[in-house]
Amino acid sequence: MTREAVTGDQGLVTGDLSYNNNRLERKEMIEYTLVPGGVTAVPGFKATGIHAGLKKVKKDLALIVSEEPAVGAGVFTTNKVKAAPLLYDMEQLKGSSFRAIVVNSGNANACTGEQGLEDAKAMAVKVACQLGCPTEEVLVSSTGVIGVKMPMEKILAGIEKATKELSPTGGPLAAEAIMTTDTYPKEISFKLMIGDCQVTIGAMAKGSGMIHPNMGTMLGFITTDLAIAKDLLQEALVAVVGKTFNMITVDGDTSTNDMVLVLANGMAGNEPINSKEDPAYKIFYEALIFACTYLAKEIAKDGEGATKLLTVEVLSALSEKDARLAAKAVCNSSLVKTALFGEDANWGRILAAVGYSGAEFDPSKVNIWIKSQAGEEQVAANGAGLAFDEEKAKNILREKEVFFIVDLGMGEEQATAWGCDLTYDYVKINGSYRT
């Protein structure tokens, strides 16, 4: 587990990466070249982010537009209480082509009844009128306070303003406009070769609190110029979200507004991908994992009040399901998270979380390590504690990025989850969120 850092227009990239001459390289030897621009790094896409008046000062409305009709796919919250934009988009995504995504922050348009659905549609209608495209080609997203009616006069005027300010370099503005309690924008964009064609992927996300496995108050938007069948795009997105965004947790709350949308406009000129057996599909799938893993980690790192990013790797599980259950349980444990904040190597809390996770394992076979840039220390072996160096362990936990490695000793499957520590500031932020 090496940790490399790349600092540039895209911010900090962490993980199992190597870096040479502005190129990122995965273990599979697929090379990604980082480029600036976020969702507008992709040919054929324009975007912007503006202040429409939902917030006092900050940007609060984003618009992403493809010059050419694109195929679309989406994944939505598992919460039974779904905000109006999700209900609207779930129906719209049955269509075949899409041109735009409009996003507002500051108001979730959740638990707003029939009026909320009418408002979501009104946002789509306004964008369609401004762009001269069918309403069915516009998707809608919202994030913010639940249960408050939408200030539609401000939003509709904001949409009119945004369409006039669309730019092929507007991706970073859009990433800023979708933020709520985030402390910084989250975006990534890169190029890669698929066959003989250069393909670009751009992505942005927001999320800081109300984050739990199966997504949380998080929004993700991905653009690409790849040509791919709609059903394959949907299948790839569902699988990738399961391995990335669904493996992060900040506070155990699953939101009403989570969604990840992807638009692929086909302008790369590649032979359209129509089969999972096509080698090009597998390359794109890995690239999608790369983008979403980066954003998932950024969300976890920016958890409300967080001071540390936690990565939990569960190894040697009987099944991937068991590995995921165990990893998510450890990441989500309030006792584990507070121990991390206090820099206390309380390995018993880690084992206890695995024990109630629902994963199948034998406690007497579990080994646990803690790791960071400050070193590595095994704290438990065969389900029992070791006489480890407490001072070294504290130094390990003092770092901003910490790994917990849990080897179940049962099989060959593994999974990774991401989270953060639980601090005093989390309570402060959420004790007065509406005000």
Protein backbone atom coordinates (compact mmCIF):
# COMPACT_ATOMS: atom_id res chain seq x y z
CA MET A 1 0.00 0.00 0.00
CA THR A 2 1.96 2.96 -1.26
CA ARG A 3 0.73 6.49 -0.91
CA GLU A 4 1.69 8.91 -3.64
CA ALA A 5 0.51 12.49 -3.98
CA VAL A 6 -0.03 14.57 -7.06
CA THR A 7 -0.49 18.28 -6.57
CA GLY A 8 -1.78 20.39 -9.44
CA ASP A 9 -4.96 21.77 -10.94
CA GLN A 10 -6.86 18.75 -9.68
CA GLY A 11 -5.75 19.07 -6.05
CA LEU A 12 -4.42 16.13 -4.06
CA VAL A 13 -4.73 12.60 -5.42
CA THR A 14 -4.04 9.79 -2.96
CA GLY A 15 -4.07 6.03 -3.21
CA ASP A 16 -2.26 3.19 -4.89
CA LEU A 17 -0.91 5.29 -7.72
CA SER A 18 2.44 5.99 -9.34
CA TYR A 19 3.26 9.39 -10.81
CA ASN A 20 5.61 10.10 -13.69
CA ASN A 21 5.61 13.21 -15.90
CA ASN A 22 2.03 14.18 -15.05
CA ARG A 23 0.78 10.65 -15.72
CA LEU A 24 -1.10 8.46 -13.28
CA GLU A 25 -0.72 4.73 -13.64
CA ARG A 26 -2.84 1.93 -12.14
CA LYS A 27 -1.61 -1.54 -11.36
CA GLU A 28 -3.38 -2.68 -14.54
CA MET A 29 -0.97 -0.39 -16.45
CA ILE A 30 -3.77 1.80 -17.78
CA GLU A 31 -2.33 5.31 -18.00
CA TYR A 32 -4.38 8.37 -17.16
CA THR A 33 -3.20 11.88 -17.95
CA LEU A 34 -4.60 14.45 -15.56
CA VAL A 35 -5.98 17.59 -17.20
CA PRO A 36 -7.76 20.61 -15.71
CA GLY A 37 -11.40 21.42 -16.27
CA GLY A 38 -13.52 18.88 -14.43
CA VAL A 39 -16.71 18.05 -16.32
CA THR A 40 -15.83 20.53 -19.08
CA ALA A 41 -12.46 18.93 -19.80
CA VAL A 42 -14.53 16.59 -21.99
CA PRO A 43 -14.99 17.72 -25.62
CA GLY A 44 -18.51 18.89 -26.34
CA PHE A 45 -19.44 19.86 -22.78
CA LYS A 46 -20.00 23.33 -21.34
CA ALA A 47 -20.89 24.29 -17.79
CA THR A 48 -21.10 27.11 -15.30
CA GLY A 49 -21.88 27.87 -11.69
CA ILE A 50 -23.60 31.05 -10.57
CA HIS A 51 -25.18 32.74 -7.56
CA ALA A 52 -28.95 32.62 -7.96
CA GLY A 53 -29.85 33.82 -4.48
CA LEU A 54 -30.63 30.57 -2.65
CA LYS A 55 -27.56 31.25 -0.51
CA LYS A 56 -26.54 34.62 0.84
CA VAL A 57 -23.32 34.97 -1.14
CA LYS A 58 -21.92 31.69 -2.46
CA LYS A 59 -22.65 30.07 -5.83
CA ASP A 60 -25.74 27.90 -5.68
CA LEU A 61 -26.77 26.86 -9.20
CA ALA A 62 -24.82 24.76 -11.69
CA LEU A 63 -25.58 23.81 -15.27
CA ILE A 64 -23.86 21.16 -17.39
CA VAL A 65 -24.69 20.96 -21.10
CA SER A 66 -23.61 18.63 -23.89
CA GLU A 67 -23.50 20.11 -27.38
CA GLU A 68 -24.54 16.74 -28.78
CA PRO A 69 -27.26 14.43 -27.42
CA ALA A 70 -25.72 12.01 -24.93
CA VAL A 71 -26.74 8.70 -23.45
CA GLY A 72 -27.31 8.87 -19.72
CA ALA A 73 -27.29 6.68 -16.63
CA GLY A 74 -28.03 7.22 -12.97
CA VAL A 75 -27.86 5.67 -9.51
CA PHE A 76 -29.99 6.99 -6.65
CA THR A 77 -30.33 6.83 -2.89
CA THR A 78 -31.66 3.69 -1.19
CA ASN A 79 -33.61 5.88 1.24
CA LYS A 80 -37.36 5.29 0.82
CA VAL A 81 -37.83 9.04 1.22
CA LYS A 82 -36.61 10.38 -2.11
CA ALA A 83 -36.48 14.05 -3.05
CA ALA A 84 -38.53 15.31 -5.99
CA PRO A 85 -35.58 15.61 -8.41
CA LEU A 86 -34.74 11.92 -7.93
CA LEU A 87 -38.30 10.83 -8.64
CA TYR A 88 -38.28 13.06 -11.72
CA ASP A 89 -34.92 11.80 -13.02
CA MET A 90 -35.72 8.14 -12.43
CA GLU A 91 -38.58 8.52 -14.87
CA GLN A 92 -36.66 10.68 -17.35
CA LEU A 93 -33.75 8.24 -17.55
CA LYS A 94 -36.03 5.80 -19.34
CA GLY A 95 -35.41 8.07 -22.34
CA SER A 96 -32.67 7.59 -24.91
CA SER A 97 -30.80 10.91 -25.04
CA PHE A 98 -29.92 13.83 -22.79
CA ARG A 99 -28.47 17.30 -23.17
CA ALA A 100 -28.26 18.89 -19.73
CA ILE A 101 -28.12 18.57 -15.95
CA VAL A 102 -29.22 21.46 -13.75
CA VAL A 103 -28.27 21.44 -10.07
CA ASN A 104 -29.13 23.78 -7.23
CA SER A 105 -27.65 23.84 -3.73
CA GLY A 106 -29.15 25.42 -0.63
CA ASN A 107 -32.52 23.65 -0.95
CA ALA A 108 -33.04 19.88 -1.24
CA ASN A 109 -36.58 20.02 -2.69
CA ALA A 110 -37.25 16.99 -0.48
CA CYS A 111 -40.49 16.23 1.40
CA THR A 112 -42.20 19.00 -0.57
CA GLY A 113 -45.11 16.96 -2.00
CA GLU A 114 -46.62 17.47 -5.43
CA GLN A 115 -45.35 21.04 -5.53
CA GLY A 116 -41.80 19.70 -5.30
CA LEU A 117 -42.34 17.51 -8.36
CA GLU A 118 -43.84 20.43 -10.27
CA ASP A 119 -40.86 22.58 -9.30
CA ALA A 120 -38.36 19.94 -10.45
CA LYS A 121 -40.13 19.73 -13.80
CA ALA A 122 -40.28 23.53 -14.05
CA MET A 123 -36.49 23.63 -13.70
CA ALA A 124 -36.15 21.15 -16.57
CA VAL A 125 -38.66 23.05 -18.72
CA LYS A 126 -36.79 26.31 -18.19
CA VAL A 127 -33.45 24.78 -19.16
CA ALA A 128 -35.01 23.14 -22.22
CA CYS A 129 -36.54 26.44 -23.35
CA GLN A 130 -33.24 28.22 -22.95
CA LEU A 131 -31.31 25.54 -24.86
CA GLY A 132 -33.96 24.78 -27.48
CA CYS A 133 -34.09 21.07 -26.67
CA PRO A 134 -36.87 18.72 -25.49
CA THR A 135 -37.68 18.86 -21.78
CA GLU A 136 -37.11 15.10 -21.62
CA GLU A 137 -33.40 15.70 -22.30
CA VAL A 138 -32.87 17.66 -19.07
CA LEU A 139 -32.07 16.05 -15.70
CA VAL A 140 -32.47 17.84 -12.36
CA SER A 141 -30.68 17.67 -9.03
CA SER A 142 -30.95 19.51 -5.71
CA THR A 143 -29.14 19.52 -2.37
CA GLY A 144 -29.60 21.46 0.85
CA VAL A 145 -32.20 21.80 3.58
CA ILE A 146 -35.07 19.27 3.60
CA GLY A 147 -38.73 20.27 3.79
CA VAL A 148 -38.48 23.83 2.47
CA LYS A 149 -40.35 24.97 -0.64
CA MET A 150 -38.19 25.94 -3.60
CA PRO A 151 -37.76 29.70 -4.28
CA MET A 152 -38.66 29.17 -7.92
CA GLU A 153 -38.54 32.82 -8.96
CA LYS A 154 -34.85 32.93 -7.99
CA ILE A 155 -34.11 29.52 -9.51
CA LEU A 156 -35.75 30.21 -12.86
CA ALA A 157 -33.99 33.57 -13.14
CA GLY A 158 -30.75 31.81 -12.19
CA ILE A 159 -31.22 29.22 -14.94
CA GLU A 160 -31.67 31.99 -17.50
CA LYS A 161 -28.47 33.63 -16.25
CA ALA A 162 -26.56 30.34 -16.21
CA THR A 163 -27.41 29.44 -19.80
CA LYS A 164 -25.93 32.76 -20.90
CA GLU A 165 -22.71 32.06 -19.00
CA LEU A 166 -22.06 28.49 -20.19
CA SER A 167 -18.39 27.98 -20.97
CA PRO A 168 -16.11 25.14 -22.15
CA THR A 169 -13.97 26.01 -19.12
CA GLY A 170 -16.84 26.32 -16.63
CA GLY A 171 -16.42 22.95 -14.92
CA PRO A 172 -14.69 24.32 -11.79
CA LEU A 173 -17.46 26.92 -11.36
CA ALA A 174 -20.08 24.17 -11.49
CA ALA A 175 -18.14 22.12 -8.92
CA GLU A 176 -18.16 25.12 -6.59
CA ALA A 177 -21.88 25.78 -7.06
CA ILE A 178 -23.03 22.32 -5.92
CA MET A 179 -21.29 22.56 -2.52
CA THR A 180 -23.17 22.78 0.80
CA THR A 181 -21.03 22.22 3.91
CA ASP A 182 -18.10 21.06 1.78
CA THR A 183 -14.92 22.97 2.52
CA TYR A 184 -13.60 22.71 -1.04
CA PRO A 185 -14.78 21.65 -4.54
CA LYS A 186 -14.20 18.04 -5.56
CA GLU A 187 -13.43 17.28 -9.20
CA ILE A 188 -11.11 15.27 -11.41
CA SER A 189 -10.56 15.00 -15.16
CA PHE A 190 -8.19 12.92 -17.24
CA LYS A 191 -7.53 11.42 -20.65
CA LEU A 192 -6.79 7.81 -21.59
CA MET A 193 -6.51 5.70 -24.71
CA ILE A 194 -9.26 3.22 -25.52
CA GLY A 195 -8.15 1.38 -28.62
CA ASP A 196 -6.88 3.99 -31.07
CA CYS A 197 -9.06 6.78 -29.65
CA GLN A 198 -8.33 9.28 -26.93
CA VAL A 199 -11.20 9.39 -24.44
CA THR A 200 -11.75 12.01 -21.75
CA ILE A 201 -13.58 11.62 -18.46
CA GLY A 202 -14.53 14.53 -16.21
CA ALA A 203 -16.25 14.26 -12.85
CA MET A 204 -17.32 16.34 -9.89
CA ALA A 205 -19.02 15.56 -6.60
CA LYS A 206 -20.21 17.19 -3.41
CA GLY A 207 -20.58 15.66 0.00
CA SER A 208 -19.41 16.31 3.53
CA GLY A 209 -22.12 15.19 5.96
CA MET A 210 -25.15 12.89 5.98
CA ILE A 211 -22.87 10.37 4.29
CA HIS A 212 -23.34 6.64 4.78
CA PRO A 213 -22.84 3.46 2.73
CA ASN A 214 -25.27 3.39 -0.18
CA MET A 215 -24.33 7.01 -0.72
CA GLY A 216 -25.25 9.94 1.50
CA THR A 217 -25.93 13.64 0.98
CA MET A 218 -23.68 13.37 -1.99
CA LEU A 219 -24.10 14.25 -5.61
CA GLY A 220 -21.84 13.03 -8.39
CA PHE A 221 -21.81 14.09 -12.03
CA ILE A 222 -19.65 12.45 -14.67
CA THR A 223 -19.11 13.40 -18.30
CA THR A 224 -17.30 11.52 -21.04
CA ASP A 225 -16.98 11.62 -24.83
CA LEU A 226 -17.01 7.83 -25.04
CA ALA A 227 -19.46 6.12 -27.38
CA ILE A 228 -21.19 3.38 -25.38
CA ALA A 229 -24.59 1.69 -25.30
CA LYS A 230 -26.97 3.12 -22.70
CA ASP A 231 -27.60 -0.22 -20.97
CA LEU A 232 -23.87 -0.89 -20.61
CA LEU A 233 -23.29 2.61 -19.24
CA GLN A 234 -25.98 1.99 -16.63
CA GLU A 235 -24.57 -1.41 -15.72
CA ALA A 236 -21.06 -0.03 -15.35
CA LEU A 237 -22.23 2.87 -13.19
CA VAL A 238 -24.19 0.63 -10.81
CA ALA A 239 -21.21 -1.70 -10.35
CA VAL A 240 -18.70 1.12 -9.88
CA VAL A 241 -20.87 3.03 -7.39
CA GLY A 242 -21.09 -0.18 -5.36
CA LYS A 243 -17.31 -0.30 -5.06
CA THR A 244 -16.71 3.42 -4.50
CA PHE A 245 -19.41 5.86 -3.37
CA ASN A 246 -21.29 3.11 -1.56
CA MET A 247 -18.17 2.37 0.48
CA ILE A 248 -17.82 5.74 2.20
CA THR A 249 -19.31 6.87 5.49
CA VAL A 250 -19.08 10.02 7.56
CA ASP A 251 -21.92 9.79 10.06
CA GLY A 252 -24.25 6.87 9.35
CA ASP A 253 -27.05 8.93 7.78
CA THR A 254 -28.32 8.12 4.30
CA SER A 255 -29.76 11.14 2.53
CA THR A 256 -32.93 11.75 0.55
CA ASN A 257 -31.07 13.36 -2.36
CA ASP A 258 -28.09 11.18 -3.27
CA MET A 259 -27.51 10.62 -6.94
CA VAL A 260 -24.77 9.95 -9.42
CA LEU A 261 -25.42 10.82 -13.06
CA VAL A 262 -23.24 10.20 -16.09
CA LEU A 263 -23.56 11.55 -19.63
CA ALA A 264 -21.62 10.08 -22.57
CA ASN A 265 -21.84 12.09 -25.81
CA GLY A 266 -19.83 9.79 -28.12
CA MET A 267 -17.65 12.57 -29.54
CA ALA A 268 -14.41 10.61 -29.00
CA GLY A 269 -15.22 8.78 -32.22
CA ASN A 270 -14.46 5.30 -30.85
CA GLU A 271 -16.23 2.25 -32.15
CA PRO A 272 -19.38 2.20 -29.97
CA ILE A 273 -19.09 -0.23 -27.05
CA ASN A 274 -22.02 -2.64 -27.25
CA SER A 275 -20.78 -5.64 -25.27
CA LYS A 276 -19.24 -6.29 -21.85
CA GLU A 277 -16.86 -8.66 -23.62
CA ASP A 278 -15.38 -5.80 -25.61
CA PRO A 279 -11.89 -5.02 -24.17
CA ALA A 280 -12.79 -1.33 -24.47
CA TYR A 281 -15.59 -1.81 -21.92
CA LYS A 282 -13.17 -3.20 -19.36
CA ILE A 283 -10.80 -0.24 -19.84
CA PHE A 284 -13.66 2.24 -19.42
CA TYR A 285 -14.90 0.37 -16.35
CA GLU A 286 -11.48 0.69 -14.72
CA ALA A 287 -11.33 4.37 -15.63
CA LEU A 288 -14.74 4.92 -14.06
CA ILE A 289 -13.53 3.21 -10.88
CA PHE A 290 -10.46 5.46 -10.90
CA ALA A 291 -12.58 8.63 -11.11
CA CYS A 292 -15.17 7.58 -8.55
CA THR A 293 -12.61 6.24 -6.08
CA TYR A 294 -10.83 9.57 -6.12
CA LEU A 295 -14.05 11.50 -5.51
CA ALA A 296 -15.25 9.04 -2.84
CA LYS A 297 -12.03 9.53 -0.89
CA GLU A 298 -12.28 13.30 -1.26
CA ILE A 299 -15.78 13.20 0.24
CA ALA A 300 -14.63 11.07 3.16
CA LYS A 301 -11.62 13.31 3.73
CA ASP A 302 -13.87 16.38 3.78
CA GLY A 303 -16.34 14.90 6.28
CA GLU A 304 -17.95 17.53 8.45
CA GLY A 305 -15.48 18.46 11.18
CA ALA A 306 -13.07 15.71 10.09
CA THR A 307 -9.35 15.89 10.77
CA LYS A 308 -8.34 12.48 9.39
CA LEU A 309 -9.14 10.28 6.39
CA LEU A 310 -9.64 6.62 7.35
CA THR A 311 -9.16 3.77 4.89
CA VAL A 312 -10.27 0.32 6.07
CA GLU A 313 -9.02 -2.63 4.03
CA VAL A 314 -10.54 -6.01 4.78
CA LEU A 315 -8.55 -8.94 3.39
CA SER A 316 -9.00 -12.73 3.14
CA ALA A 317 -12.79 -12.75 3.42
CA LEU A 318 -14.97 -15.65 2.29
CA SER A 319 -16.90 -13.39 -0.09
CA GLU A 320 -16.78 -9.83 -1.38
CA LYS A 321 -20.06 -9.24 0.44
CA ASP A 322 -18.47 -10.25 3.75
CA ALA A 323 -15.48 -8.00 3.07
CA ARG A 324 -17.72 -5.04 2.27
CA LEU A 325 -19.88 -5.56 5.34
CA ALA A 326 -16.85 -5.70 7.62
CA ALA A 327 -15.08 -2.71 6.07
CA LYS A 328 -18.17 -0.51 6.18
CA ALA A 329 -18.96 -1.47 9.78
CA VAL A 330 -15.49 -0.47 10.96
CA CYS A 331 -15.60 2.82 9.04
CA ASN A 332 -19.04 3.64 10.40
CA SER A 333 -18.42 2.78 14.06
CA SER A 334 -18.72 5.89 16.22
CA LEU A 335 -16.39 4.27 18.77
CA VAL A 336 -13.77 3.57 16.11
CA LYS A 337 -14.12 7.08 14.70
CA THR A 338 -13.78 8.77 18.10
CA ALA A 339 -10.77 6.59 18.96
CA LEU A 340 -9.19 7.70 15.69
CA PHE A 341 -9.82 11.33 16.62
CA GLY A 342 -8.25 10.72 20.02
CA GLU A 343 -5.32 8.84 18.41
CA ASP A 344 -6.06 5.81 20.59
CA ALA A 345 -5.10 2.41 19.09
CA ASN A 346 -8.21 0.74 20.49
CA TRP A 347 -8.15 -2.33 18.24
CA GLY A 348 -10.94 -3.98 20.26
CA ARG A 349 -13.41 -1.50 18.79
CA ILE A 350 -12.32 -2.52 15.28
CA LEU A 351 -12.83 -6.21 16.01
CA ALA A 352 -16.17 -5.54 17.70
CA ALA A 353 -17.40 -3.66 14.62
CA VAL A 354 -16.43 -6.57 12.38
CA GLY A 355 -18.27 -8.84 14.80
CA TYR A 356 -21.63 -7.09 14.40
CA SER A 357 -21.20 -6.34 10.70
CA GLY A 358 -22.97 -9.49 9.55
CA ALA A 359 -19.84 -10.82 7.85
CA GLU A 360 -19.07 -14.51 8.16
CA PHE A 361 -15.70 -15.07 9.89
CA ASP A 362 -13.90 -16.79 12.76
CA PRO A 363 -12.79 -14.23 15.41
CA SER A 364 -9.82 -16.42 16.34
CA LYS A 365 -8.30 -15.93 12.88
CA VAL A 366 -8.41 -12.14 12.68
CA ASN A 367 -5.21 -10.07 12.43
CA ILE A 368 -5.28 -6.25 12.61
CA TRP A 369 -2.72 -3.61 11.63
CA ILE A 370 -2.71 0.18 11.73
CA LYS A 371 -0.65 2.08 9.18
CA SER A 372 0.19 5.58 7.98
CA GLN A 373 3.18 7.51 6.68
CA ALA A 374 4.58 7.27 10.20
CA GLY A 375 4.88 3.49 9.98
CA GLU A 376 2.98 0.26 10.52
CA GLU A 377 2.12 -1.68 13.67
CA GLN A 378 0.27 -4.96 14.16
CA VAL A 379 -2.07 -4.56 17.12
CA ALA A 380 -3.91 -7.90 17.16
CA ALA A 381 -3.16 -11.48 16.05
CA ASN A 382 -5.51 -14.45 15.95
CA GLY A 383 -8.27 -12.40 17.55
CA ALA A 384 -6.21 -11.32 20.57
CA GLY A 385 -4.20 -8.27 21.44
CA LEU A 386 -0.45 -7.93 21.03
CA ALA A 387 2.07 -6.08 23.18
CA PHE A 388 2.57 -3.35 20.59
CA ASP A 389 4.46 -0.07 20.93
CA GLU A 390 1.82 2.40 22.19
CA GLU A 391 3.91 5.47 21.38
CA LYS A 392 4.55 4.30 17.82
CA ALA A 393 0.84 3.52 17.42
CA LYS A 394 -0.09 7.02 18.55
CA ASN A 395 2.34 8.52 16.06
CA ILE A 396 0.77 6.40 13.31
CA LEU A 397 -2.71 7.63 14.22
CA ARG A 398 -1.50 11.23 14.40
CA GLU A 399 -1.21 11.40 10.59
CA LYS A 400 -3.91 12.92 8.38
CA GLU A 401 -4.44 9.67 6.47
CA VAL A 402 -4.65 6.40 8.40
CA PHE A 403 -5.16 2.79 7.27
CA PHE A 404 -6.73 -0.03 9.28
CA ILE A 405 -5.98 -3.44 7.76
CA VAL A 406 -8.16 -6.33 8.91
CA ASP A 407 -7.20 -9.81 7.71
CA LEU A 408 -10.06 -12.26 8.36
CA GLY A 409 -7.98 -15.31 7.43
CA MET A 410 -10.97 -16.99 5.79
CA GLY A 411 -10.71 -16.73 1.99
CA GLU A 412 -9.46 -14.64 -0.91
CA GLU A 413 -11.94 -11.77 -1.24
CA GLN A 414 -11.32 -8.19 -0.14
CA ALA A 415 -12.92 -4.74 -0.01
CA THR A 416 -12.03 -1.18 0.92
CA ALA A 417 -14.13 1.45 2.68
CA TRP A 418 -13.39 5.09 3.47
CA GLY A 419 -14.44 7.29 6.35
CA CYS A 420 -13.15 9.89 8.78
CA ASP A 421 -12.84 10.63 12.46
CA LEU A 422 -15.73 11.97 14.53
CA THR A 423 -14.93 15.29 16.16
CA TYR A 424 -16.43 18.04 18.31
CA ASP A 425 -16.85 20.17 15.21
CA TYR A 426 -19.22 17.63 13.63
CA VAL A 427 -21.69 18.28 16.44
CA LYS A 428 -21.27 22.04 16.13
CA ILE A 429 -21.90 21.99 12.38
CA ASN A 430 -25.01 19.81 12.56
CA GLY A 431 -26.41 21.37 15.70
CA SER A 432 -27.18 24.53 13.73
CA TYR A 433 -27.38 23.34 10.09
CA ARG A 434 -30.65 25.11 9.25
CA THR A 435 -29.50 28.40 10.76
